[in-house]
Amino acid sequence: MKNISRRSFVNKLGLGVGASIVISTLPSFMTQEKSQKPYTGKKLNIALCGLGHYAGILASGIEVSDYCNLAGIVTGSPEKAIKWKAKYNIPDKNIYNYQNFDEIINNKDIDLVYVVLPNGLHKEFVIRSAKAGKNVITEKPMAISVADCEAMIKACDDNNVQLAIGYRLHYEPTHLEIKRLGQQKVFGQVRFIEASLGYKTYDTLDKTTIVDKSKDWRLNKKLSGGSSADGFRYLLYPGQPLCFGRRTYSRYCPIWNNQ
């Protein structure tokens, strides 16, 4: 038998007892996913607006989705248009650039525009999509100011289209369960949440590194909204429904006032 110290034994016993208590409170972790019949209805035809790194990840997910179809693209790069057309079999009539994008109003083969552009461009292309009668998903954060967000909402309301934010954790099982624990106070009132996040856009220790802000929009405050607006969303969004049961990123949140 492997020797075990008193401290190690106590620690492991505590973890075991703690785990047994936690597991008993987590029904959604313990239930198996119910089998569903294959979906055979109409797929949602999506156009991706902006073909950066994350758009490639979205395209891979859409490609295997039972409910969605990558029907179109919007890009300022002719080279990317050629590559994406070949890879995803996108017809020429469903390929747009940022100048002729408004012509999408005449395209009945596209139901929804997913805006995957830098944060500072979300407002413009959400509004243009709404005016074209297309439902819209925009990447997080919604925009870089409260005024921009309100203008986007108004445009979608005025044109009777739906607007959503591409924040996957709304539906992710682990986060839904953690939200339940907080809202139902399974372990009591949530009093403190500690979270941290960081991006490394370049090697700060390499003194030979030449930082070109024109090549990374996250380093451009006009496009990103600043580091708080771009990064703090990952810390702010999950914590609010955990404590309050709703999301309250509003004019009262300093990052949206660019402070």
Protein backbone atom coordinates (compact mmCIF):
# COMPACT_ATOMS: atom_id res chain seq x y z
CA MET A 1 0.00 0.00 0.00
CA LYS A 2 1.32 3.44 -0.92
CA ASN A 3 2.33 5.54 2.09
CA ILE A 4 0.25 8.65 2.54
CA SER A 5 0.85 11.52 4.92
CA ARG A 6 -1.75 12.76 7.38
CA ARG A 7 -1.98 16.09 5.54
CA SER A 8 -2.44 14.38 2.16
CA PHE A 9 -5.10 12.07 3.61
CA VAL A 10 -7.05 14.97 5.09
CA ASN A 11 -6.83 16.92 1.83
CA LYS A 12 -8.03 13.98 -0.25
CA LEU A 13 -10.80 13.16 2.20
CA GLY A 14 -11.96 16.77 2.08
CA LEU A 15 -11.97 16.76 -1.71
CA GLY A 16 -13.89 13.49 -1.77
CA VAL A 17 -16.56 14.65 0.65
CA GLY A 18 -16.79 18.01 -1.11
CA ALA A 19 -17.13 16.34 -4.48
CA SER A 20 -19.90 14.07 -3.22
CA ILE A 21 -21.85 17.08 -1.95
CA VAL A 22 -21.34 19.03 -5.16
CA ILE A 23 -22.26 16.12 -7.42
CA SER A 24 -25.51 15.61 -5.53
CA THR A 25 -26.50 19.18 -6.41
CA LEU A 26 -25.63 19.02 -10.11
CA PRO A 27 -28.43 17.17 -11.88
CA SER A 28 -27.58 18.56 -15.30
CA PHE A 29 -24.05 17.15 -15.02
CA MET A 30 -25.35 13.69 -14.14
CA THR A 31 -28.04 13.27 -16.77
CA GLN A 32 -27.23 11.90 -20.19
CA GLU A 33 -28.18 13.81 -23.28
CA LYS A 34 -31.50 12.65 -24.63
CA SER A 35 -31.44 11.11 -28.06
CA GLN A 36 -33.09 13.31 -30.66
CA LYS A 37 -34.44 12.58 -34.07
CA PRO A 38 -32.36 14.00 -36.93
CA TYR A 39 -33.50 17.47 -37.98
CA THR A 40 -34.93 17.49 -41.48
CA GLY A 41 -36.40 20.99 -41.66
CA LYS A 42 -35.16 24.08 -43.50
CA LYS A 43 -31.67 25.23 -42.61
CA LEU A 44 -30.87 28.81 -41.68
CA ASN A 45 -28.79 30.34 -44.48
CA ILE A 46 -26.00 32.45 -42.98
CA ALA A 47 -23.62 34.98 -44.50
CA LEU A 48 -20.42 35.63 -42.55
CA CYS A 49 -19.42 39.29 -42.61
CA GLY A 50 -15.66 39.49 -42.06
CA LEU A 51 -13.37 36.54 -42.74
CA GLY A 52 -10.76 36.77 -40.00
CA HIS A 53 -9.50 33.96 -37.76
CA TYR A 54 -12.71 33.50 -35.78
CA ALA A 55 -14.85 33.43 -38.91
CA GLY A 56 -12.92 30.31 -39.90
CA ILE A 57 -13.89 28.67 -36.61
CA LEU A 58 -17.53 29.64 -37.14
CA ALA A 59 -17.49 28.28 -40.67
CA SER A 60 -16.23 24.91 -39.43
CA GLY A 61 -19.08 24.75 -36.92
CA ILE A 62 -21.71 25.83 -39.44
CA GLU A 63 -20.43 23.21 -41.88
CA VAL A 64 -21.34 20.35 -39.53
CA SER A 65 -24.49 21.94 -38.12
CA ASP A 66 -27.87 20.31 -38.63
CA TYR A 67 -29.61 23.66 -38.51
CA CYS A 68 -27.41 26.11 -40.41
CA ASN A 69 -25.80 26.51 -43.80
CA LEU A 70 -22.95 28.80 -44.85
CA ALA A 71 -24.66 30.49 -47.78
CA GLY A 72 -22.65 33.67 -48.27
CA ILE A 73 -19.61 35.74 -47.33
CA VAL A 74 -18.74 39.43 -47.02
CA THR A 75 -15.07 40.37 -47.26
CA GLY A 76 -12.77 43.18 -48.31
CA SER A 77 -10.20 40.69 -49.55
CA PRO A 78 -10.59 39.32 -53.11
CA GLU A 79 -8.04 36.61 -52.27
CA LYS A 80 -10.12 35.38 -49.32
CA ALA A 81 -13.26 35.47 -51.45
CA ILE A 82 -11.65 33.09 -53.96
CA LYS A 83 -10.45 30.68 -51.27
CA TRP A 84 -13.73 30.63 -49.35
CA LYS A 85 -15.77 30.24 -52.53
CA ALA A 86 -13.81 27.12 -53.44
CA LYS A 87 -13.72 25.65 -49.93
CA TYR A 88 -17.41 26.12 -49.08
CA ASN A 89 -18.93 26.03 -52.57
CA ILE A 90 -20.39 29.54 -52.29
CA PRO A 91 -22.03 30.91 -55.46
CA ASP A 92 -20.82 34.22 -56.87
CA LYS A 93 -24.17 35.89 -56.25
CA ASN A 94 -23.74 35.30 -52.49
CA ILE A 95 -20.29 36.93 -52.28
CA TYR A 96 -20.16 40.60 -51.26
CA ASN A 97 -17.58 43.20 -50.35
CA TYR A 98 -18.05 46.07 -47.90
CA GLN A 99 -19.00 48.49 -50.67
CA ASN A 100 -21.76 46.47 -52.37
CA PHE A 101 -22.96 44.80 -49.16
CA ASP A 102 -26.30 46.65 -49.19
CA GLU A 103 -27.29 44.72 -52.32
CA ILE A 104 -27.85 41.74 -50.04
CA ILE A 105 -31.38 43.13 -49.60
CA ASN A 106 -32.23 41.49 -52.94
CA ASN A 107 -30.82 38.08 -51.99
CA LYS A 108 -33.55 35.76 -50.75
CA ASP A 109 -31.05 32.93 -50.26
CA ILE A 110 -29.56 34.59 -47.17
CA ASP A 111 -31.60 34.69 -43.96
CA LEU A 112 -29.08 36.02 -41.49
CA VAL A 113 -25.84 37.99 -41.40
CA TYR A 114 -23.26 37.08 -38.76
CA VAL A 115 -21.02 40.12 -38.17
CA VAL A 116 -17.49 38.95 -37.27
CA LEU A 117 -15.72 42.27 -37.76
CA PRO A 118 -13.67 44.29 -35.23
CA ASN A 119 -15.80 45.71 -32.41
CA GLY A 120 -15.83 49.25 -33.74
CA LEU A 121 -17.48 48.11 -36.98
CA HIS A 122 -20.32 46.15 -35.39
CA LYS A 123 -22.73 49.09 -35.32
CA GLU A 124 -22.36 49.93 -39.01
CA PHE A 125 -22.87 46.44 -40.33
CA VAL A 126 -25.63 45.47 -37.92
CA ILE A 127 -27.59 48.54 -39.01
CA ARG A 128 -26.90 47.89 -42.69
CA SER A 129 -27.97 44.26 -42.27
CA ALA A 130 -31.16 45.29 -40.51
CA LYS A 131 -32.02 47.80 -43.25
CA ALA A 132 -31.54 44.98 -45.75
CA GLY A 133 -34.17 42.97 -43.86
CA LYS A 134 -31.72 40.37 -42.55
CA ASN A 135 -31.68 38.95 -39.06
CA VAL A 136 -28.32 39.59 -37.38
CA ILE A 137 -25.87 37.99 -35.00
CA THR A 138 -22.94 40.16 -33.99
CA GLU A 139 -19.84 39.05 -32.18
CA LYS A 140 -19.18 40.10 -28.61
CA PRO A 141 -18.94 42.74 -27.32
CA MET A 142 -22.08 44.08 -28.93
CA ALA A 143 -20.46 47.47 -29.60
CA ILE A 144 -18.04 49.95 -28.05
CA SER A 145 -20.59 52.33 -26.52
CA VAL A 146 -24.10 52.33 -25.11
CA ALA A 147 -25.20 54.76 -27.84
CA ASP A 148 -24.02 52.34 -30.53
CA CYS A 149 -25.88 49.45 -28.88
CA GLU A 150 -29.09 51.45 -28.66
CA ALA A 151 -28.82 52.48 -32.31
CA MET A 152 -28.36 48.84 -33.32
CA ILE A 153 -31.37 47.72 -31.32
CA LYS A 154 -33.51 50.51 -32.77
CA ALA A 155 -32.50 49.63 -36.34
CA CYS A 156 -33.46 46.00 -35.82
CA ASP A 157 -36.75 46.94 -34.16
CA ASP A 158 -37.58 49.41 -36.93
CA ASN A 159 -36.95 46.77 -39.61
CA ASN A 160 -38.62 43.93 -37.72
CA VAL A 161 -35.55 41.68 -37.64
CA GLN A 162 -33.95 39.81 -34.77
CA LEU A 163 -30.63 40.72 -33.19
CA ALA A 164 -28.47 38.40 -31.10
CA ILE A 165 -24.98 38.49 -29.61
CA GLY A 166 -22.67 35.57 -30.42
CA TYR A 167 -21.93 34.60 -26.84
CA ARG A 168 -21.97 30.81 -26.68
CA LEU A 169 -21.99 30.52 -22.87
CA HIS A 170 -25.68 31.44 -22.79
CA TYR A 171 -26.32 27.82 -23.81
CA GLU A 172 -23.23 25.98 -22.57
CA PRO A 173 -24.31 23.26 -20.07
CA THR A 174 -21.62 23.89 -17.47
CA HIS A 175 -22.37 27.61 -17.28
CA LEU A 176 -26.11 27.00 -17.18
CA GLU A 177 -25.61 24.72 -14.19
CA ILE A 178 -23.33 27.19 -12.43
CA LYS A 179 -25.95 29.88 -13.05
CA ARG A 180 -28.59 27.65 -11.46
CA LEU A 181 -26.41 27.11 -8.40
CA GLY A 182 -25.97 30.84 -7.97
CA GLN A 183 -29.56 31.89 -8.62
CA GLN A 184 -31.07 29.17 -6.45
CA LYS A 185 -28.45 29.80 -3.75
CA VAL A 186 -27.66 26.10 -3.49
CA PHE A 187 -24.54 26.93 -1.48
CA GLY A 188 -25.89 30.22 -0.13
CA GLN A 189 -25.70 33.80 -1.41
CA VAL A 190 -22.88 34.45 -3.87
CA ARG A 191 -20.80 37.18 -2.24
CA PHE A 192 -17.61 37.28 -4.25
CA ILE A 193 -16.45 36.29 -7.73
CA GLU A 194 -12.82 36.42 -8.80
CA ALA A 195 -11.94 36.12 -12.48
CA SER A 196 -8.97 36.93 -14.67
CA LEU A 197 -8.14 36.93 -18.36
CA GLY A 198 -5.34 38.10 -20.57
CA TYR A 199 -4.33 38.22 -24.23
CA LYS A 200 -0.79 38.22 -25.48
CA THR A 201 -0.65 39.94 -28.84
CA TYR A 202 3.14 40.00 -28.97
CA ASP A 203 6.19 39.05 -26.89
CA THR A 204 6.68 41.91 -24.45
CA LEU A 205 10.07 40.55 -23.40
CA ASP A 206 11.43 40.56 -26.91
CA LYS A 207 12.90 44.03 -27.27
CA THR A 208 13.39 43.51 -31.01
CA THR A 209 9.65 43.12 -31.58
CA ILE A 210 8.20 45.82 -33.81
CA VAL A 211 4.55 46.41 -32.89
CA ASP A 212 2.46 47.35 -35.89
CA LYS A 213 -0.93 48.47 -34.59
CA SER A 214 -2.28 48.63 -38.13
CA LYS A 215 -2.05 44.83 -38.36
CA ASP A 216 -3.81 44.00 -35.09
CA TRP A 217 -7.15 45.71 -34.55
CA ARG A 218 -7.11 44.82 -30.83
CA LEU A 219 -4.31 47.38 -30.42
CA ASN A 220 -6.41 50.05 -32.11
CA LYS A 221 -8.79 51.66 -29.60
CA LYS A 222 -11.07 52.98 -32.33
CA LEU A 223 -11.65 49.45 -33.62
CA SER A 224 -11.50 47.48 -30.38
CA GLY A 225 -13.02 49.96 -27.93
CA GLY A 226 -10.00 49.58 -25.69
CA SER A 227 -8.75 46.60 -23.72
CA SER A 228 -11.58 46.77 -21.17
CA ALA A 229 -14.38 46.62 -23.73
CA ASP A 230 -12.66 43.87 -25.69
CA GLY A 231 -11.46 41.65 -22.86
CA PHE A 232 -13.57 42.43 -19.79
CA ARG A 233 -16.65 40.91 -21.41
CA TYR A 234 -15.30 37.42 -20.64
CA LEU A 235 -15.22 38.28 -16.94
CA LEU A 236 -18.38 40.40 -16.73
CA TYR A 237 -20.86 38.32 -18.74
CA PRO A 238 -20.79 35.00 -16.82
CA GLY A 239 -20.82 36.59 -13.37
CA GLN A 240 -23.93 38.74 -13.68
CA PRO A 241 -26.53 36.00 -14.33
CA LEU A 242 -24.83 33.90 -11.65
CA CYS A 243 -25.62 36.54 -9.05
CA PHE A 244 -28.62 38.42 -10.39
CA GLY A 245 -30.40 36.12 -12.84
CA ARG A 246 -30.13 38.62 -15.65
CA ARG A 247 -27.53 40.49 -17.66
CA THR A 248 -27.11 44.14 -16.79
CA TYR A 249 -24.25 45.46 -18.89
CA SER A 250 -25.75 48.91 -19.31
CA ARG A 251 -24.89 52.58 -19.20
CA TYR A 252 -24.00 52.02 -15.55
CA CYS A 253 -21.09 49.76 -16.45
CA PRO A 254 -17.94 51.92 -16.84
CA ILE A 255 -16.49 50.00 -19.77
CA TRP A 256 -19.42 51.00 -21.95
CA ASN A 257 -18.77 54.64 -21.15
CA ASN A 258 -15.14 54.18 -22.22
CA GLN A 259 -13.87 55.06 -18.77
